[in-house]
């Protein structure tokens, strides 16, 4: 059985939770899952 190592890096948008990223390798396929961050909702208030 042959074993190889791989290293790759790519920039992520700020709208993801990089700390929660998961990766798996099965049957020659690398699967990377990175959850999106919840969108912040802004609320306008009237100033009198």
N, C-alpha and C. Protein backbone atom coordinates (compact mmCIF):
# COMPACT_ATOMS: atom_id res chain seq x y z
N UNK A 1 0.84 -1.18 0.00
CA UNK A 1 0.00 0.00 0.00
C UNK A 1 0.89 1.24 0.00
N UNK A 2 0.60 2.18 -0.87
CA UNK A 2 1.37 3.42 -0.95
C UNK A 2 0.67 4.50 -0.15
N UNK A 3 1.47 5.33 0.46
CA UNK A 3 0.94 6.43 1.25
C UNK A 3 1.59 7.73 0.79
N UNK A 4 0.80 8.75 0.64
CA UNK A 4 1.30 10.06 0.22
C UNK A 4 0.76 11.11 1.17
N UNK A 5 1.50 12.18 1.30
CA UNK A 5 1.00 13.30 2.08
C UNK A 5 0.62 14.43 1.13
N UNK A 6 -0.25 15.29 1.58
CA UNK A 6 -0.74 16.38 0.76
C UNK A 6 -0.92 17.59 1.65
N UNK A 7 -0.57 18.74 1.13
CA UNK A 7 -0.80 20.00 1.85
C UNK A 7 -1.38 20.99 0.87
N UNK A 8 -2.45 21.64 1.27
CA UNK A 8 -3.06 22.65 0.44
C UNK A 8 -3.60 23.77 1.31
N UNK A 9 -3.60 24.96 0.81
CA UNK A 9 -4.12 26.11 1.55
C UNK A 9 -4.92 26.97 0.60
N UNK A 10 -6.03 27.50 1.09
CA UNK A 10 -6.82 28.41 0.29
C UNK A 10 -7.46 29.43 1.20
N UNK A 11 -7.60 30.65 0.72
CA UNK A 11 -8.21 31.69 1.55
C UNK A 11 -9.70 31.43 1.73
N UNK A 12 -10.19 31.73 2.91
CA UNK A 12 -11.61 31.57 3.21
C UNK A 12 -12.25 32.93 3.40
N UNK A 13 -13.49 33.08 2.96
CA UNK A 13 -14.18 34.35 3.22
C UNK A 13 -14.47 34.47 4.71
N UNK A 14 -14.68 35.67 5.18
CA UNK A 14 -14.91 35.88 6.61
C UNK A 14 -16.27 35.36 7.06
N UNK A 15 -17.13 34.94 6.14
CA UNK A 15 -18.47 34.49 6.49
C UNK A 15 -18.53 33.00 6.84
N UNK A 16 -17.40 32.36 7.11
CA UNK A 16 -17.40 30.95 7.47
C UNK A 16 -16.82 30.77 8.87
N UNK A 17 -17.09 29.61 9.46
CA UNK A 17 -16.56 29.28 10.77
C UNK A 17 -15.42 28.28 10.55
N UNK A 18 -14.23 28.79 10.33
CA UNK A 18 -13.09 27.94 9.98
C UNK A 18 -12.75 26.95 11.09
N UNK A 19 -12.98 27.30 12.34
CA UNK A 19 -12.67 26.42 13.46
C UNK A 19 -13.55 25.16 13.45
N UNK A 20 -14.67 25.20 12.77
CA UNK A 20 -15.59 24.05 12.73
C UNK A 20 -15.45 23.24 11.44
N UNK A 21 -14.41 23.51 10.68
CA UNK A 21 -14.20 22.79 9.42
C UNK A 21 -13.91 21.32 9.69
N UNK A 22 -14.41 20.45 8.81
CA UNK A 22 -14.16 19.01 8.91
C UNK A 22 -13.75 18.50 7.54
N UNK A 23 -12.87 17.52 7.53
CA UNK A 23 -12.42 16.94 6.27
C UNK A 23 -12.37 15.42 6.41
N UNK A 24 -12.70 14.72 5.31
CA UNK A 24 -12.63 13.27 5.29
C UNK A 24 -12.10 12.83 3.93
N UNK A 25 -11.47 11.67 3.91
CA UNK A 25 -10.90 11.13 2.68
C UNK A 25 -11.39 9.70 2.53
N UNK A 26 -12.08 9.42 1.43
CA UNK A 26 -12.65 8.10 1.21
C UNK A 26 -12.64 7.79 -0.28
N UNK A 27 -12.14 6.62 -0.64
CA UNK A 27 -12.10 6.17 -2.03
C UNK A 27 -11.46 7.19 -2.97
N UNK A 28 -10.38 7.82 -2.51
CA UNK A 28 -9.66 8.78 -3.35
C UNK A 28 -10.30 10.14 -3.44
N UNK A 29 -11.35 10.40 -2.66
CA UNK A 29 -12.07 11.68 -2.71
C UNK A 29 -11.89 12.42 -1.38
N UNK A 30 -11.39 13.64 -1.45
CA UNK A 30 -11.26 14.48 -0.28
C UNK A 30 -12.51 15.34 -0.17
N UNK A 31 -13.17 15.28 0.97
CA UNK A 31 -14.39 16.06 1.20
C UNK A 31 -14.11 17.03 2.35
N UNK A 32 -14.30 18.32 2.11
CA UNK A 32 -14.09 19.35 3.11
C UNK A 32 -15.41 20.07 3.33
N UNK A 33 -15.83 20.15 4.59
CA UNK A 33 -17.07 20.85 4.94
C UNK A 33 -16.74 22.00 5.87
N UNK A 34 -17.15 23.20 5.47
CA UNK A 34 -16.92 24.40 6.27
C UNK A 34 -18.25 25.12 6.43
N UNK A 35 -18.79 25.17 7.65
CA UNK A 35 -20.09 25.80 7.83
C UNK A 35 -20.05 27.31 7.65
N UNK A 36 -21.14 27.84 7.13
CA UNK A 36 -21.27 29.29 6.98
C UNK A 36 -21.67 29.89 8.32
N UNK A 37 -21.19 31.09 8.56
CA UNK A 37 -21.57 31.83 9.76
C UNK A 37 -22.96 32.41 9.55
N UNK A 38 -23.69 32.52 10.63
CA UNK A 38 -25.02 33.13 10.53
C UNK A 38 -24.86 34.60 10.22
N UNK A 39 -25.71 35.07 9.35
CA UNK A 39 -25.67 36.46 8.94
C UNK A 39 -26.14 37.33 10.10
N UNK A 40 -25.39 38.38 10.38
CA UNK A 40 -25.80 39.30 11.43
C UNK A 40 -26.95 40.16 10.93
N UNK A 41 -27.94 40.28 11.76
CA UNK A 41 -29.10 41.10 11.42
C UNK A 41 -28.93 42.45 12.11
N UNK A 42 -28.99 43.49 11.32
CA UNK A 42 -28.90 44.82 11.90
C UNK A 42 -30.30 45.39 12.06
N UNK A 43 -30.47 46.15 13.09
CA UNK A 43 -31.76 46.74 13.37
C UNK A 43 -31.59 48.25 13.43
N UNK A 44 -32.44 48.93 12.72
CA UNK A 44 -32.41 50.41 12.75
C UNK A 44 -33.35 50.90 13.83
N UNK A 45 -32.87 51.91 14.52
CA UNK A 45 -33.74 52.56 15.51
C UNK A 45 -33.79 54.05 15.19
N UNK A 46 -34.92 54.62 15.43
CA UNK A 46 -35.10 56.04 15.15
C UNK A 46 -34.59 56.86 16.30
N UNK A 47 -33.82 57.88 16.00
CA UNK A 47 -33.31 58.79 17.01
C UNK A 47 -34.17 60.05 16.97
N UNK A 48 -34.72 60.38 18.13
CA UNK A 48 -35.62 61.55 18.20
C UNK A 48 -34.92 62.74 18.80
